[in-house]
Amino acid sequence: MTPSELEARFAQYDERIAALEAEKQANSWFTLAVIGSHPDTEMLLEVVRAAIQTLRGKTSSEAPAGVAAATVLRLLEIERQILKAQQSRQELAEAAEAERLLEQQRAGSEQER
């Protein structure tokens, strides 16, 4: 291969890598959107955990080791994101309840005056 052919090939590789990185980022944002908008994160968590267990149980002939390992890692990240979303929802619910109780308390104090 000539230097210009090598340079052209490397440029193609760079373009492919950039496209894969952009796709990965888009998938991450999509995943966050699905988790954030899903009404039943507990069910979503069960599905992700079942997928993790299924992949961990696959033999190497059913799923290449590198692909299975990378997929399990991504699913573990999704599991972490779901747990974080659940925690955030719980904290928001608790804050809303505290605010509601405070408003009731204020209303009661104003009626006593």
Protein backbone atom coordinates (compact mmCIF):
# COMPACT_ATOMS: atom_id res chain seq x y z
CA MET A 1 0.00 0.00 0.00
CA THR A 2 1.13 3.46 -0.77
CA PRO A 3 1.27 6.14 1.90
CA SER A 4 -1.76 7.90 0.39
CA GLU A 5 -3.74 4.62 0.40
CA LEU A 6 -2.80 4.06 4.04
CA GLU A 7 -3.81 7.60 4.89
CA ALA A 8 -7.17 7.12 3.14
CA ARG A 9 -7.75 3.87 5.01
CA PHE A 10 -6.93 5.49 8.36
CA ALA A 11 -9.31 8.33 7.52
CA GLN A 12 -12.06 5.76 6.92
CA TYR A 13 -11.29 4.14 10.27
CA ASP A 14 -11.45 7.51 11.99
CA GLU A 15 -14.85 8.18 10.40
CA ARG A 16 -16.16 4.78 11.47
CA ILE A 17 -14.90 5.26 15.02
CA ALA A 18 -16.52 8.70 15.19
CA ALA A 19 -19.81 7.25 13.91
CA LEU A 20 -19.70 4.46 16.51
CA GLU A 21 -18.98 6.94 19.29
CA ALA A 22 -21.88 9.13 18.16
CA GLU A 23 -24.17 6.09 18.06
CA LYS A 24 -23.06 5.05 21.54
CA GLN A 25 -23.83 8.54 22.87
CA ALA A 26 -27.23 8.52 21.17
CA ASN A 27 -28.00 5.12 22.69
CA SER A 28 -27.04 6.39 26.13
CA TRP A 29 -29.34 9.40 25.83
CA PHE A 30 -32.16 7.19 24.53
CA THR A 31 -31.68 4.79 27.44
CA LEU A 32 -31.84 7.65 29.93
CA ALA A 33 -35.00 8.96 28.27
CA VAL A 34 -36.67 5.54 28.43
CA ILE A 35 -35.72 5.06 32.07
CA GLY A 36 -36.81 8.56 33.02
CA SER A 37 -40.18 8.28 31.32
CA HIS A 38 -40.99 4.67 32.19
CA PRO A 39 -43.92 4.43 34.61
CA ASP A 40 -42.77 1.15 36.18
CA THR A 41 -39.04 1.22 36.81
CA GLU A 42 -39.29 -1.86 39.03
CA MET A 43 -40.50 -3.94 36.06
CA LEU A 44 -37.81 -2.37 33.89
CA LEU A 45 -35.21 -3.32 36.48
CA GLU A 46 -36.47 -6.92 36.52
CA VAL A 47 -36.17 -7.15 32.73
CA VAL A 48 -32.61 -5.80 32.77
CA ARG A 49 -31.59 -8.16 35.58
CA ALA A 50 -33.12 -11.13 33.74
CA ALA A 51 -31.16 -10.18 30.62
CA ILE A 52 -27.96 -10.00 32.67
CA GLN A 53 -28.58 -13.46 34.13
CA THR A 54 -29.39 -14.88 30.70
CA LEU A 55 -26.20 -13.50 29.18
CA ARG A 56 -24.10 -14.72 32.09
CA GLY A 57 -25.52 -18.20 31.53
CA LYS A 58 -24.70 -18.31 27.81
CA THR A 59 -21.95 -20.60 26.63
CA SER A 60 -19.18 -19.21 24.48
CA SER A 61 -20.64 -20.83 21.35
CA GLU A 62 -23.98 -19.06 21.89
CA ALA A 63 -22.47 -15.63 22.40
CA PRO A 64 -18.85 -14.67 21.79
CA ALA A 65 -17.19 -13.91 25.11
CA GLY A 66 -16.22 -10.35 24.21
CA VAL A 67 -19.69 -9.49 22.96
CA ALA A 68 -21.40 -11.07 25.96
CA ALA A 69 -19.06 -9.35 28.41
CA ALA A 70 -19.54 -5.95 26.77
CA THR A 71 -23.31 -6.42 26.75
CA VAL A 72 -23.35 -7.44 30.42
CA LEU A 73 -21.29 -4.36 31.28
CA ARG A 74 -23.75 -2.13 29.41
CA LEU A 75 -26.70 -3.82 31.12
CA LEU A 76 -25.03 -3.33 34.51
CA GLU A 77 -24.69 0.38 33.68
CA ILE A 78 -28.39 0.49 32.74
CA GLU A 79 -29.24 -1.26 36.02
CA ARG A 80 -27.28 1.42 37.90
CA GLN A 81 -29.11 4.15 36.00
CA ILE A 82 -32.49 2.61 36.84
CA LEU A 83 -31.57 2.39 40.53
CA LYS A 84 -30.44 6.02 40.46
CA ALA A 85 -33.72 7.05 38.78
CA GLN A 86 -35.69 5.16 41.42
CA GLN A 87 -33.76 6.90 44.18
CA SER A 88 -34.35 10.30 42.57
CA ARG A 89 -38.07 9.60 42.23
CA GLN A 90 -38.23 8.54 45.88
CA GLU A 91 -36.42 11.70 46.99
CA LEU A 92 -38.76 13.86 44.90
CA ALA A 93 -41.81 12.10 46.34
CA GLU A 94 -40.49 12.61 49.88
CA ALA A 95 -39.77 16.28 49.21
CA ALA A 96 -43.26 16.77 47.76
CA GLU A 97 -44.80 15.07 50.80
CA ALA A 98 -42.76 17.25 53.16
CA GLU A 99 -43.86 20.35 51.25
CA ARG A 100 -47.48 19.23 51.40
CA LEU A 101 -47.27 18.69 55.17
CA LEU A 102 -45.61 22.08 55.61
CA GLU A 103 -48.40 23.76 53.63
CA GLN A 104 -51.00 21.99 55.79
CA GLN A 105 -49.20 23.16 58.90
CA ARG A 106 -49.09 26.74 57.62
CA ALA A 107 -52.77 26.63 56.72
CA GLY A 108 -53.59 25.34 60.21
CA SER A 109 -51.54 28.11 61.82
CA GLU A 110 -53.30 30.78 59.76
CA GLN A 111 -56.73 29.45 60.71
CA GLU A 112 -55.83 29.63 64.41
CA ARG A 113 -55.11 33.35 64.11
